[in-house]
Amino acid sequence: MIKPIEKGDSMFVQKLSILSAFLLIFGGSTALANAPDLASANRENPISTKDIQLAQNRPGRGQRGEQLAEMLDLTEDQQQEIQEIRQSYRSQIQQNRQTVQTIRQEISDLFATNASAEQLRDKQRELNQIQMEINTLNFESMLEVREILTLEQREKFSEVLEQRGNNRPRRSGSNR
């Protein structure tokens, strides 16, 4: 059985969130660079992701990753190593995310049936387990990335993530 997060575990959750944000930031540049051109892929809706970001005047993940690489003064070798680490975890994380989507759909379908509460709880436990695996993979990849950064870069990165975390609106647990 999975142990619920307790009050003393908040530091672990905060660190895991920071590490996950780092992966998202650095992963975006590769994802956007390798993504198909949305405008050519969908002729009925020729608006690309880049068009939307420009209209919203917000940088995409790729731009944030580049900005962070610049702020941390990463060398080309460091950037390459980080991309290789991300690539080594990418397929397993993507597979788990697809599984999460499938399980969520199954839970939704079960709610519409006469499924027992225990069946729903079992599905929720399965979902929680896969989500924990994703978090663990993200954390492990962050540990590998951490080894690439100098102490100064680690400190600067921690500051940047703390500032970004403080600027994000908090989500209420009751209104989703």
Protein backbone atom coordinates (compact mmCIF):
# COMPACT_ATOMS: atom_id res chain seq x y z
CA MET A 1 0.00 0.00 0.00
CA ILE A 2 1.26 3.49 -0.81
CA LYS A 3 2.04 5.63 2.21
CA PRO A 4 0.15 8.95 2.11
CA ILE A 5 2.21 12.11 2.12
CA GLU A 6 2.47 13.49 5.63
CA LYS A 7 3.24 16.93 6.97
CA GLY A 8 6.98 16.24 7.27
CA ASP A 9 7.14 15.09 3.64
CA SER A 10 6.40 18.56 2.25
CA MET A 11 10.11 19.27 1.65
CA PHE A 12 10.42 16.10 -0.42
CA VAL A 13 7.34 17.01 -2.45
CA GLN A 14 8.68 20.55 -2.97
CA LYS A 15 12.06 19.24 -4.15
CA LEU A 16 10.40 16.71 -6.42
CA SER A 17 8.26 19.49 -7.90
CA ILE A 18 11.34 21.63 -8.53
CA LEU A 19 13.13 18.74 -10.18
CA SER A 20 10.12 17.96 -12.36
CA ALA A 21 9.91 21.60 -13.43
CA PHE A 22 13.55 21.45 -14.48
CA LEU A 23 12.84 18.44 -16.68
CA LEU A 24 9.84 20.13 -18.24
CA ILE A 25 11.83 23.26 -18.94
CA PHE A 26 14.76 21.48 -20.54
CA GLY A 27 12.58 18.97 -22.33
CA GLY A 28 10.57 21.62 -24.10
CA SER A 29 13.37 22.71 -26.40
CA THR A 30 13.75 19.19 -27.75
CA ALA A 31 10.01 18.61 -27.95
CA LEU A 32 9.39 21.80 -29.90
CA ALA A 33 12.38 21.24 -32.15
CA ASN A 34 11.21 17.71 -33.02
CA ALA A 35 7.48 18.49 -33.21
CA PRO A 36 5.80 18.42 -36.61
CA ASP A 37 4.67 21.73 -38.06
CA LEU A 38 1.10 22.00 -36.79
CA ALA A 39 0.13 24.39 -39.56
CA SER A 40 1.05 21.93 -42.29
CA ALA A 41 -0.32 18.92 -40.39
CA ASN A 42 -3.77 20.42 -40.00
CA ARG A 43 -4.89 22.48 -42.98
CA GLU A 44 -8.33 23.14 -41.50
CA ASN A 45 -6.77 24.93 -38.54
CA PRO A 46 -3.56 26.56 -39.76
CA ILE A 47 -2.67 28.19 -36.41
CA SER A 48 0.56 26.81 -35.02
CA THR A 49 1.63 26.50 -31.40
CA LYS A 50 4.17 29.23 -32.00
CA ASP A 51 1.40 31.55 -33.28
CA ILE A 52 -0.58 30.97 -30.10
CA GLN A 53 2.45 31.63 -27.89
CA LEU A 54 3.23 34.83 -29.77
CA ALA A 55 -0.39 35.97 -29.47
CA GLN A 56 -0.28 35.31 -25.75
CA ASN A 57 3.15 36.97 -25.55
CA ARG A 58 4.51 34.00 -23.61
CA PRO A 59 7.67 32.05 -24.31
CA GLY A 60 7.33 28.37 -25.16
CA ARG A 61 9.09 25.62 -23.28
CA GLY A 62 11.96 25.68 -25.74
CA GLN A 63 12.53 29.36 -25.16
CA ARG A 64 12.36 28.91 -21.38
CA GLY A 65 14.90 26.09 -21.62
CA GLU A 66 17.21 28.30 -23.66
CA GLN A 67 16.76 31.17 -21.20
CA LEU A 68 17.53 28.88 -18.29
CA ALA A 69 20.58 27.45 -20.04
CA GLU A 70 21.78 31.00 -20.53
CA MET A 71 21.05 32.03 -16.92
CA LEU A 72 22.92 28.99 -15.63
CA ASP A 73 25.70 29.55 -18.16
CA LEU A 74 25.58 25.92 -19.29
CA THR A 75 28.31 24.82 -21.63
CA GLU A 76 27.46 23.15 -24.94
CA ASP A 77 28.65 19.86 -23.44
CA GLN A 78 26.36 20.27 -20.43
CA GLN A 79 23.39 21.04 -22.67
CA GLN A 80 24.15 17.98 -24.79
CA GLU A 81 24.50 15.73 -21.74
CA ILE A 82 21.19 17.00 -20.35
CA GLN A 83 19.47 16.26 -23.66
CA GLU A 84 20.94 12.73 -23.66
CA ILE A 85 19.71 12.12 -20.11
CA ARG A 86 16.24 13.36 -21.00
CA GLN A 87 16.19 11.19 -24.10
CA SER A 88 17.12 8.11 -22.09
CA TYR A 89 14.05 8.55 -19.86
CA ARG A 90 11.63 9.98 -22.42
CA SER A 91 10.09 6.79 -23.85
CA GLN A 92 9.36 5.23 -20.47
CA ILE A 93 7.85 8.46 -19.13
CA GLN A 94 5.72 8.88 -22.26
CA GLN A 95 4.54 5.29 -22.04
CA ASN A 96 3.55 5.80 -18.40
CA ARG A 97 1.72 9.03 -19.27
CA GLN A 98 -0.27 7.17 -21.90
CA THR A 99 -1.10 4.53 -19.31
CA VAL A 100 -2.27 7.29 -16.95
CA GLN A 101 -4.62 8.60 -19.64
CA THR A 102 -5.97 5.11 -20.26
CA ILE A 103 -6.57 4.46 -16.57
CA ARG A 104 -8.28 7.82 -16.14
CA GLN A 105 -10.63 6.92 -18.96
CA GLU A 106 -11.27 3.53 -17.37
CA ILE A 107 -12.11 5.22 -14.07
CA SER A 108 -14.46 7.58 -15.85
CA ASP A 109 -16.12 4.65 -17.60
CA LEU A 110 -16.44 2.73 -14.32
CA PHE A 111 -18.20 5.68 -12.70
CA ALA A 112 -20.89 5.41 -15.36
CA THR A 113 -21.52 1.73 -14.59
CA ASN A 114 -22.56 -0.31 -11.58
CA ALA A 115 -18.93 -0.90 -10.66
CA SER A 116 -18.32 -1.31 -6.96
CA ALA A 117 -16.51 1.26 -4.88
CA GLU A 118 -13.73 -1.29 -4.40
CA GLN A 119 -13.26 -1.62 -8.17
CA LEU A 120 -12.95 2.16 -8.41
CA ARG A 121 -10.48 2.23 -5.52
CA ASP A 122 -8.38 -0.48 -7.19
CA LYS A 123 -8.25 1.55 -10.40
CA GLN A 124 -7.32 4.67 -8.43
CA ARG A 125 -4.51 2.76 -6.69
CA GLU A 126 -3.27 1.63 -10.10
CA LEU A 127 -3.34 5.24 -11.32
CA ASN A 128 -1.47 6.44 -8.22
CA GLN A 129 1.20 3.79 -8.74
CA ILE A 130 1.85 4.81 -12.35
CA GLN A 131 1.95 8.48 -11.39
CA MET A 132 4.49 7.65 -8.67
CA GLU A 133 6.59 5.81 -11.26
CA ILE A 134 6.56 8.92 -13.45
CA ASN A 135 7.64 11.03 -10.47
CA THR A 136 10.41 8.56 -9.66
CA LEU A 137 11.69 8.56 -13.25
CA ASN A 138 11.67 12.37 -13.29
CA PHE A 139 13.51 12.42 -9.97
CA GLU A 140 16.13 9.90 -11.12
CA SER A 141 16.77 11.85 -14.30
CA MET A 142 17.13 15.02 -12.23
CA LEU A 143 19.73 13.32 -10.05
CA GLU A 144 21.69 12.55 -13.20
CA VAL A 145 21.33 16.13 -14.43
CA ARG A 146 22.38 17.42 -11.03
CA GLU A 147 25.71 15.64 -11.39
CA ILE A 148 26.41 17.67 -14.55
CA LEU A 149 25.85 21.05 -12.89
CA THR A 150 28.48 22.87 -10.91
CA LEU A 151 27.67 23.92 -7.35
CA GLU A 152 27.18 27.50 -8.54
CA GLN A 153 24.77 26.36 -11.27
CA ARG A 154 22.83 24.24 -8.76
CA GLU A 155 22.44 27.21 -6.45
CA LYS A 156 21.34 29.54 -9.25
CA PHE A 157 18.92 26.97 -10.59
CA SER A 158 17.38 26.52 -7.15
CA GLU A 159 16.87 30.28 -6.89
CA VAL A 160 15.26 30.48 -10.34
CA LEU A 161 12.85 27.64 -9.60
CA GLU A 162 11.94 29.10 -6.24
CA GLN A 163 11.10 32.43 -7.87
CA ARG A 164 9.02 30.73 -10.56
CA GLY A 165 7.23 28.62 -7.97
CA ASN A 166 6.36 31.67 -5.91
CA ASN A 167 4.94 33.44 -8.97
CA ARG A 168 2.54 30.62 -9.85
CA PRO A 169 -1.04 30.79 -8.66
CA ARG A 170 -1.91 28.12 -6.14
CA ARG A 171 -4.57 25.63 -7.12
CA SER A 172 -7.37 25.03 -4.70
CA GLY A 173 -7.87 21.39 -3.85
CA SER A 174 -11.65 21.67 -3.74
CA ASN A 175 -12.29 23.45 -7.05
CA ARG A 176 -10.73 21.59 -9.93
